[in-house]
Amino acid sequence: MSKSSISNLEDHLGYWLRLVSNHVSHAFKAKVESHGVTVAEWVVLRILFTTDDINPSQIAEQLGMTRGAISKLVDRLVEKKLVQIRVEKADRRFQSIFLTPAGRAMVPKLAALADENDEEFFSSLNDKQRSQLASLLKQIVAERGLKETPTT
């Protein structure tokens, strides 16, 4: 096989998707970490903002992560005083997680950072183009059955 018959990196959609994704993700990571949380912690906080008082298994299922990974994230968020754990008196094995006032106050700030990050990277696209890009990506997600929420 000759060198000229082998596709170039730039010939692949995956190359361009990864290039954009890496830069978008890295910039967002830096923004949220400047507020003392990781991207994975932000994802958990955002879920709790909408569905407060949820158990770790439900979070793990939503994110496509293991219960152990969620427990570590929750422990870190407890240390940061952003979430609390409620243990049921009737069954001490059952726990529910909920935001503290500090955690609830932080979510809108972090969501604004996510919006800002999107604007920085996708402002050159008009609304129709953004909608088309989102639709195409969601189509790929649905067709491939992708479920794991990106947390890194």
Foldseek 3Di string as FASTA:
>chain_A
DDPVVDDDLVVDPVSVVVVLVVVLQVQLQVVVVVVPDGLLLLVVLVVQLVVPFAWLVVVCQQQVHDSVVSVVSLVVCVVVQQKDWDADPVHRVTITIHGDPVSNVCNVVSVVSNVVSCCVRPVVDDPVRVVVVVVVVVVVCVVVVPRHDDRD
